[in-house]
Amino acid sequence: TISRDRNTVYLQMSDLKPEDTAVYYCNAD
């Protein structure tokens, strides 16, 4: 689930799987 509060964005990740392993990058326009 992605959400935003003012200038902060969140990514709530549940039921994580091994294939989710990665470097996660924030992006903004």
PDB file of all heavy atoms in Angstrom:
ATOM      1  N   THR A   1       0.838  -1.189   0.000  1.00  0.00           N
ATOM      2  CA  THR A   1       0.000   0.000   0.000  1.00  0.00           C
ATOM      3  C   THR A   1       0.876   1.242   0.000  1.00  0.00           C
ATOM      4  O   THR A   1       1.752   1.383   0.852  1.00  0.00           O
ATOM      5  CB  THR A   1      -0.930   0.039   1.227  1.00  0.00           C
ATOM      6  OG1 THR A   1      -1.767  -1.118   1.232  1.00  0.00           O
ATOM      7  CG2 THR A   1      -1.813   1.288   1.184  1.00  0.00           C
ATOM      8  N   ILE A   2       0.640   2.133  -0.960  1.00  0.00           N
ATOM      9  CA  ILE A   2       1.362   3.388  -1.014  1.00  0.00           C
ATOM     10  C   ILE A   2       0.485   4.492  -0.438  1.00  0.00           C
ATOM     11  O   ILE A   2      -0.731   4.508  -0.637  1.00  0.00           O
ATOM     12  CB  ILE A   2       1.814   3.724  -2.456  1.00  0.00           C
ATOM     13  CG1 ILE A   2       2.773   4.918  -2.458  1.00  0.00           C
ATOM     14  CG2 ILE A   2       0.622   3.972  -3.367  1.00  0.00           C
ATOM     15  CD1 ILE A   2       3.458   5.146  -3.808  1.00  0.00           C
ATOM     16  N   SER A   3       1.090   5.411   0.294  1.00  0.00           N
ATOM     17  CA  SER A   3       0.366   6.530   0.867  1.00  0.00           C
ATOM     18  C   SER A   3       1.297   7.725   0.979  1.00  0.00           C
ATOM     19  O   SER A   3       2.518   7.596   0.842  1.00  0.00           O
ATOM     20  CB  SER A   3      -0.219   6.170   2.237  1.00  0.00           C
ATOM     21  OG  SER A   3       0.806   5.837   3.156  1.00  0.00           O
ATOM     22  N   ARG A   4       0.714   8.890   1.224  1.00  0.00           N
ATOM     23  CA  ARG A   4       1.508  10.102   1.312  1.00  0.00           C
ATOM     24  C   ARG A   4       0.986  11.009   2.404  1.00  0.00           C
ATOM     25  O   ARG A   4      -0.226  11.151   2.588  1.00  0.00           O
ATOM     26  CB  ARG A   4       1.508  10.836  -0.036  1.00  0.00           C
ATOM     27  CG  ARG A   4       2.283  12.147  -0.028  1.00  0.00           C
ATOM     28  CD  ARG A   4       2.153  12.856  -1.357  1.00  0.00           C
ATOM     29  NE  ARG A   4       2.488  14.266  -1.249  1.00  0.00           N
ATOM     30  CZ  ARG A   4       2.337  15.156  -2.215  1.00  0.00           C
ATOM     31  NH1 ARG A   4       1.847  14.777  -3.391  1.00  0.00           N
ATOM     32  NH2 ARG A   4       2.666  16.422  -2.025  1.00  0.00           N
ATOM     33  N   ASP A   5       1.896  11.609   3.136  1.00  0.00           N
ATOM     34  CA  ASP A   5       1.582  12.577   4.171  1.00  0.00           C
ATOM     35  C   ASP A   5       2.497  13.770   3.969  1.00  0.00           C
ATOM     36  O   ASP A   5       3.692  13.706   4.265  1.00  0.00           O
ATOM     37  CB  ASP A   5       1.773  11.962   5.556  1.00  0.00           C
ATOM     38  CG  ASP A   5       1.462  12.932   6.680  1.00  0.00           C
ATOM     39  OD1 ASP A   5       0.828  13.971   6.426  1.00  0.00           O
ATOM     40  OD2 ASP A   5       1.851  12.639   7.834  1.00  0.00           O
ATOM     41  N   ARG A   6       1.941  14.845   3.424  1.00  0.00           N
ATOM     42  CA  ARG A   6       2.703  16.050   3.108  1.00  0.00           C
ATOM     43  C   ARG A   6       3.859  15.707   2.172  1.00  0.00           C
ATOM     44  O   ARG A   6       3.625  15.275   1.045  1.00  0.00           O
ATOM     45  CB  ARG A   6       3.152  16.750   4.387  1.00  0.00           C
ATOM     46  CG  ARG A   6       1.985  17.263   5.227  1.00  0.00           C
ATOM     47  CD  ARG A   6       2.452  17.966   6.487  1.00  0.00           C
ATOM     48  NE  ARG A   6       3.160  19.201   6.172  1.00  0.00           N
ATOM     49  CZ  ARG A   6       2.563  20.372   5.949  1.00  0.00           C
ATOM     50  NH1 ARG A   6       1.246  20.477   5.996  1.00  0.00           N
ATOM     51  NH2 ARG A   6       3.300  21.432   5.678  1.00  0.00           N
ATOM     52  N   ASN A   7       5.101  15.852   2.626  1.00  0.00           N
ATOM     53  CA  ASN A   7       6.254  15.612   1.768  1.00  0.00           C
ATOM     54  C   ASN A   7       6.891  14.239   1.961  1.00  0.00           C
ATOM     55  O   ASN A   7       8.024  14.016   1.534  1.00  0.00           O
ATOM     56  CB  ASN A   7       7.307  16.695   1.991  1.00  0.00           C
ATOM     57  CG  ASN A   7       6.915  18.023   1.382  1.00  0.00           C
ATOM     58  OD1 ASN A   7       5.841  18.165   0.798  1.00  0.00           O
ATOM     59  ND2 ASN A   7       7.782  19.016   1.507  1.00  0.00           N
ATOM     60  N   THR A   8       6.154  13.342   2.585  1.00  0.00           N
ATOM     61  CA  THR A   8       6.660  11.999   2.827  1.00  0.00           C
ATOM     62  C   THR A   8       5.754  10.960   2.183  1.00  0.00           C
ATOM     63  O   THR A   8       4.536  11.013   2.347  1.00  0.00           O
ATOM     64  CB  THR A   8       6.775  11.720   4.335  1.00  0.00           C
ATOM     65  OG1 THR A   8       7.623  12.697   4.939  1.00  0.00           O
ATOM     66  CG2 THR A   8       7.365  10.343   4.581  1.00  0.00           C
ATOM     67  N   VAL A   9       6.346  10.040   1.453  1.00  0.00           N
ATOM     68  CA  VAL A   9       5.604   8.945   0.864  1.00  0.00           C
ATOM     69  C   VAL A   9       6.005   7.655   1.574  1.00  0.00           C
ATOM     70  O   VAL A   9       7.170   7.483   1.958  1.00  0.00           O
ATOM     71  CB  VAL A   9       5.841   8.843  -0.660  1.00  0.00           C
ATOM     72  CG1 VAL A   9       7.296   8.503  -0.976  1.00  0.00           C
ATOM     73  CG2 VAL A   9       4.897   7.822  -1.283  1.00  0.00           C
ATOM     74  N   TYR A  10       5.028   6.772   1.758  1.00  0.00           N
ATOM     75  CA  TYR A  10       5.251   5.517   2.449  1.00  0.00           C
ATOM     76  C   TYR A  10       4.906   4.346   1.551  1.00  0.00           C
ATOM     77  O   TYR A  10       4.074   4.448   0.659  1.00  0.00           O
ATOM     78  CB  TYR A  10       4.387   5.427   3.713  1.00  0.00           C
ATOM     79  CG  TYR A  10       4.582   6.572   4.680  1.00  0.00           C
ATOM     80  CD1 TYR A  10       3.759   7.694   4.629  1.00  0.00           C
ATOM     81  CD2 TYR A  10       5.579   6.529   5.646  1.00  0.00           C
ATOM     82  CE1 TYR A  10       3.929   8.747   5.515  1.00  0.00           C
ATOM     83  CE2 TYR A  10       5.752   7.574   6.532  1.00  0.00           C
ATOM     84  CZ  TYR A  10       4.928   8.680   6.469  1.00  0.00           C
ATOM     85  OH  TYR A  10       5.099   9.724   7.351  1.00  0.00           O
ATOM     86  N   LEU A  11       5.539   3.234   1.811  1.00  0.00           N
ATOM     87  CA  LEU A  11       5.178   1.989   1.165  1.00  0.00           C
ATOM     88  C   LEU A  11       5.057   0.929   2.246  1.00  0.00           C
ATOM     89  O   LEU A  11       6.064   0.480   2.803  1.00  0.00           O
ATOM     90  CB  LEU A  11       6.211   1.568   0.121  1.00  0.00           C
ATOM     91  CG  LEU A  11       5.845   0.331  -0.707  1.00  0.00           C
ATOM     92  CD1 LEU A  11       4.658   0.641  -1.624  1.00  0.00           C
ATOM     93  CD2 LEU A  11       7.034  -0.153  -1.527  1.00  0.00           C
ATOM     94  N   GLN A  12       3.818   0.565   2.576  1.00  0.00           N
ATOM     95  CA  GLN A  12       3.563  -0.494   3.536  1.00  0.00           C
ATOM     96  C   GLN A  12       3.585  -1.817   2.788  1.00  0.00           C
ATOM     97  O   GLN A  12       2.769  -2.035   1.899  1.00  0.00           O
ATOM     98  CB  GLN A  12       2.215  -0.295   4.223  1.00  0.00           C
ATOM     99  CG  GLN A  12       1.848  -1.392   5.214  1.00  0.00           C
ATOM    100  CD  GLN A  12       2.767  -1.428   6.410  1.00  0.00           C
ATOM    101  OE1 GLN A  12       2.985  -0.415   7.060  1.00  0.00           O
ATOM    102  NE2 GLN A  12       3.322  -2.601   6.702  1.00  0.00           N
ATOM    103  N   MET A  13       4.514  -2.679   3.146  1.00  0.00           N
ATOM    104  CA  MET A  13       4.699  -3.947   2.459  1.00  0.00           C
ATOM    105  C   MET A  13       4.340  -5.085   3.398  1.00  0.00           C
ATOM    106  O   MET A  13       4.888  -5.188   4.496  1.00  0.00           O
ATOM    107  CB  MET A  13       6.140  -4.097   1.974  1.00  0.00           C
ATOM    108  CG  MET A  13       6.614  -2.952   1.091  1.00  0.00           C
ATOM    109  SD  MET A  13       8.265  -3.239   0.400  1.00  0.00           S
ATOM    110  CE  MET A  13       9.239  -3.164   1.898  1.00  0.00           C
ATOM    111  N   SER A  14       3.426  -5.935   2.958  1.00  0.00           N
ATOM    112  CA  SER A  14       2.996  -7.088   3.732  1.00  0.00           C
ATOM    113  C   SER A  14       3.142  -8.344   2.896  1.00  0.00           C
ATOM    114  O   SER A  14       3.248  -8.283   1.670  1.00  0.00           O
ATOM    115  CB  SER A  14       1.544  -6.921   4.186  1.00  0.00           C
ATOM    116  OG  SER A  14       1.382  -5.785   5.004  1.00  0.00           O
ATOM    117  N   ASP A  15       3.118  -9.492   3.576  1.00  0.00           N
ATOM    118  CA  ASP A  15       3.253 -10.783   2.904  1.00  0.00           C
ATOM    119  C   ASP A  15       4.452 -10.781   1.956  1.00  0.00           C
ATOM    120  O   ASP A  15       4.358 -11.160   0.793  1.00  0.00           O
ATOM    121  CB  ASP A  15       1.973 -11.125   2.146  1.00  0.00           C
ATOM    122  CG  ASP A  15       1.935 -12.563   1.658  1.00  0.00           C
ATOM    123  OD1 ASP A  15       2.613 -13.422   2.258  1.00  0.00           O
ATOM    124  OD2 ASP A  15       1.216 -12.834   0.674  1.00  0.00           O
ATOM    125  N   LEU A  16       5.581 -10.362   2.476  1.00  0.00           N
ATOM    126  CA  LEU A  16       6.784 -10.248   1.652  1.00  0.00           C
ATOM    127  C   LEU A  16       7.283 -11.616   1.199  1.00  0.00           C
ATOM    128  O   LEU A  16       7.185 -12.605   1.927  1.00  0.00           O
ATOM    129  CB  LEU A  16       7.877  -9.512   2.416  1.00  0.00           C
ATOM    130  CG  LEU A  16       7.674  -7.996   2.490  1.00  0.00           C
ATOM    131  CD1 LEU A  16       8.518  -7.393   3.606  1.00  0.00           C
ATOM    132  CD2 LEU A  16       8.011  -7.351   1.151  1.00  0.00           C
ATOM    133  N   LYS A  17       7.807 -11.638  -0.010  1.00  0.00           N
ATOM    134  CA  LYS A  17       8.317 -12.850  -0.623  1.00  0.00           C
ATOM    135  C   LYS A  17       9.791 -12.675  -0.969  1.00  0.00           C
ATOM    136  O   LYS A  17      10.252 -11.546  -1.148  1.00  0.00           O
ATOM    137  CB  LYS A  17       7.526 -13.173  -1.898  1.00  0.00           C
ATOM    138  CG  LYS A  17       6.025 -13.268  -1.692  1.00  0.00           C
ATOM    139  CD  LYS A  17       5.296 -13.429  -3.021  1.00  0.00           C
ATOM    140  CE  LYS A  17       3.802 -13.502  -2.823  1.00  0.00           C
ATOM    141  NZ  LYS A  17       3.078 -13.638  -4.111  1.00  0.00           N
ATOM    142  N   PRO A  18      10.543 -13.763  -1.084  1.00  0.00           N
ATOM    143  CA  PRO A  18      11.960 -13.639  -1.450  1.00  0.00           C
ATOM    144  C   PRO A  18      12.180 -12.855  -2.742  1.00  0.00           C
ATOM    145  O   PRO A  18      13.177 -12.135  -2.860  1.00  0.00           O
ATOM    146  CB  PRO A  18      12.412 -15.094  -1.603  1.00  0.00           C
ATOM    147  CG  PRO A  18      11.541 -15.844  -0.652  1.00  0.00           C
ATOM    148  CD  PRO A  18      10.199 -15.161  -0.748  1.00  0.00           C
ATOM    149  N   GLU A  19      11.263 -12.971  -3.696  1.00  0.00           N
ATOM    150  CA  GLU A  19      11.401 -12.245  -4.948  1.00  0.00           C
ATOM    151  C   GLU A  19      11.203 -10.741  -4.800  1.00  0.00           C
ATOM    152  O   GLU A  19      11.432  -9.988  -5.749  1.00  0.00           O
ATOM    153  CB  GLU A  19      10.444 -12.798  -6.016  1.00  0.00           C
ATOM    154  CG  GLU A  19       9.009 -12.920  -5.556  1.00  0.00           C
ATOM    155  CD  GLU A  19       8.655 -14.324  -5.096  1.00  0.00           C
ATOM    156  OE1 GLU A  19       9.463 -14.931  -4.361  1.00  0.00           O
ATOM    157  OE2 GLU A  19       7.570 -14.817  -5.477  1.00  0.00           O
ATOM    158  N   ASP A  20      10.778 -10.285  -3.619  1.00  0.00           N
ATOM    159  CA  ASP A  20      10.691  -8.856  -3.341  1.00  0.00           C
ATOM    160  C   ASP A  20      12.042  -8.263  -2.967  1.00  0.00           C
ATOM    161  O   ASP A  20      12.172  -7.046  -2.839  1.00  0.00           O
ATOM    162  CB  ASP A  20       9.694  -8.578  -2.216  1.00  0.00           C
ATOM    163  CG  ASP A  20       8.264  -8.927  -2.593  1.00  0.00           C
ATOM    164  OD1 ASP A  20       7.864  -8.659  -3.741  1.00  0.00           O
ATOM    165  OD2 ASP A  20       7.538  -9.465  -1.731  1.00  0.00           O
ATOM    166  N   THR A  21      13.037  -9.108  -2.773  1.00  0.00           N
ATOM    167  CA  THR A  21      14.372  -8.643  -2.407  1.00  0.00           C
ATOM    168  C   THR A  21      14.941  -7.741  -3.498  1.00  0.00           C
ATOM    169  O   THR A  21      15.033  -8.132  -4.657  1.00  0.00           O
ATOM    170  CB  THR A  21      15.318  -9.824  -2.172  1.00  0.00           C
ATOM    171  OG1 THR A  21      14.861 -10.578  -1.043  1.00  0.00           O
ATOM    172  CG2 THR A  21      16.738  -9.346  -1.904  1.00  0.00           C
ATOM    173  N   ALA A  22      15.301  -6.519  -3.120  1.00  0.00           N
ATOM    174  CA  ALA A  22      15.805  -5.535  -4.066  1.00  0.00           C
ATOM    175  C   ALA A  22      16.179  -4.266  -3.313  1.00  0.00           C
ATOM    176  O   ALA A  22      15.877  -4.120  -2.127  1.00  0.00           O
ATOM    177  CB  ALA A  22      14.748  -5.212  -5.127  1.00  0.00           C
ATOM    178  N   VAL A  23      16.829  -3.362  -4.021  1.00  0.00           N
ATOM    179  CA  VAL A  23      16.992  -2.006  -3.515  1.00  0.00           C
ATOM    180  C   VAL A  23      15.773  -1.216  -3.956  1.00  0.00           C
ATOM    181  O   VAL A  23      15.442  -1.196  -5.140  1.00  0.00           O
ATOM    182  CB  VAL A  23      18.279  -1.339  -4.037  1.00  0.00           C
ATOM    183  CG1 VAL A  23      18.373   0.098  -3.544  1.00  0.00           C
ATOM    184  CG2 VAL A  23      19.504  -2.133  -3.593  1.00  0.00           C
ATOM    185  N   TYR A  24      15.099  -0.590  -3.010  1.00  0.00           N
ATOM    186  CA  TYR A  24      13.898   0.175  -3.292  1.00  0.00           C
ATOM    187  C   TYR A  24      14.236   1.660  -3.337  1.00  0.00           C
ATOM    188  O   TYR A  24      14.848   2.199  -2.418  1.00  0.00           O
ATOM    189  CB  TYR A  24      12.821  -0.099  -2.239  1.00  0.00           C
ATOM    190  CG  TYR A  24      12.150  -1.437  -2.428  1.00  0.00           C
ATOM    191  CD1 TYR A  24      12.842  -2.619  -2.195  1.00  0.00           C
ATOM    192  CD2 TYR A  24      10.831  -1.514  -2.868  1.00  0.00           C
ATOM    193  CE1 TYR A  24      12.238  -3.847  -2.397  1.00  0.00           C
ATOM    194  CE2 TYR A  24      10.220  -2.741  -3.068  1.00  0.00           C
ATOM    195  CZ  TYR A  24      10.928  -3.909  -2.832  1.00  0.00           C
ATOM    196  OH  TYR A  24      10.316  -5.125  -3.030  1.00  0.00           O
ATOM    197  N   TYR A  25      13.829   2.308  -4.421  1.00  0.00           N
ATOM    198  CA  TYR A  25      14.143   3.710  -4.651  1.00  0.00           C
ATOM    199  C   TYR A  25      12.883   4.561  -4.649  1.00  0.00           C
ATOM    200  O   TYR A  25      11.882   4.209  -5.270  1.00  0.00           O
ATOM    201  CB  TYR A  25      14.844   3.899  -5.996  1.00  0.00           C
ATOM    202  CG  TYR A  25      16.204   3.249  -6.100  1.00  0.00           C
ATOM    203  CD1 TYR A  25      16.333   1.951  -6.581  1.00  0.00           C
ATOM    204  CD2 TYR A  25      17.344   3.939  -5.721  1.00  0.00           C
ATOM    205  CE1 TYR A  25      17.572   1.352  -6.683  1.00  0.00           C
ATOM    206  CE2 TYR A  25      18.590   3.346  -5.826  1.00  0.00           C
ATOM    207  CZ  TYR A  25      18.699   2.054  -6.306  1.00  0.00           C
ATOM    208  OH  TYR A  25      19.938   1.466  -6.409  1.00  0.00           O
ATOM    209  N   CYS A  26      12.961   5.684  -3.974  1.00  0.00           N
ATOM    210  CA  CYS A  26      11.895   6.668  -3.996  1.00  0.00           C
ATOM    211  C   CYS A  26      12.065   7.574  -5.208  1.00  0.00           C
ATOM    212  O   CYS A  26      13.188   7.936  -5.572  1.00  0.00           O
ATOM    213  CB  CYS A  26      11.937   7.493  -2.711  1.00  0.00           C
ATOM    214  SG  CYS A  26      10.691   8.789  -2.596  1.00  0.00           S
ATOM    215  N   ASN A  27      10.962   7.927  -5.833  1.00  0.00           N
ATOM    216  CA  ASN A  27      10.969   8.810  -6.990  1.00  0.00           C
ATOM    217  C   ASN A  27       9.900   9.879  -6.817  1.00  0.00           C
ATOM    218  O   ASN A  27       8.835   9.606  -6.258  1.00  0.00           O
ATOM    219  CB  ASN A  27      10.712   8.008  -8.264  1.00  0.00           C
ATOM    220  CG  ASN A  27      10.557   8.888  -9.487  1.00  0.00           C
ATOM    221  OD1 ASN A  27       9.439   9.231  -9.883  1.00  0.00           O
ATOM    222  ND2 ASN A  27      11.676   9.256 -10.097  1.00  0.00           N
ATOM    223  N   ALA A  28      10.186  11.078  -7.301  1.00  0.00           N
ATOM    224  CA  ALA A  28       9.205  12.149  -7.221  1.00  0.00           C
ATOM    225  C   ALA A  28       9.343  13.103  -8.387  1.00  0.00           C
ATOM    226  O   ALA A  28      10.456  13.410  -8.826  1.00  0.00           O
ATOM    227  CB  ALA A  28       9.349  12.923  -5.912  1.00  0.00           C
ATOM    228  N   ASP A  29       8.208  13.552  -8.901  1.00  0.00           N
ATOM    229  CA  ASP A  29       8.168  14.649  -9.855  1.00  0.00           C
ATOM    230  C   ASP A  29       7.792  15.887  -9.066  1.00  0.00           C
ATOM    231  O   ASP A  29       6.693  15.955  -8.502  1.00  0.00           O
ATOM    232  CB  ASP A  29       7.166  14.390 -10.972  1.00  0.00           C
ATOM    233  CG  ASP A  29       7.162  15.504 -11.997  1.00  0.00           C
ATOM    234  OD1 ASP A  29       8.121  15.585 -12.785  1.00  0.00           O
ATOM    235  OD2 ASP A  29       6.202  16.305 -12.017  1.00  0.00           O
TER     236      ASP A  29
END
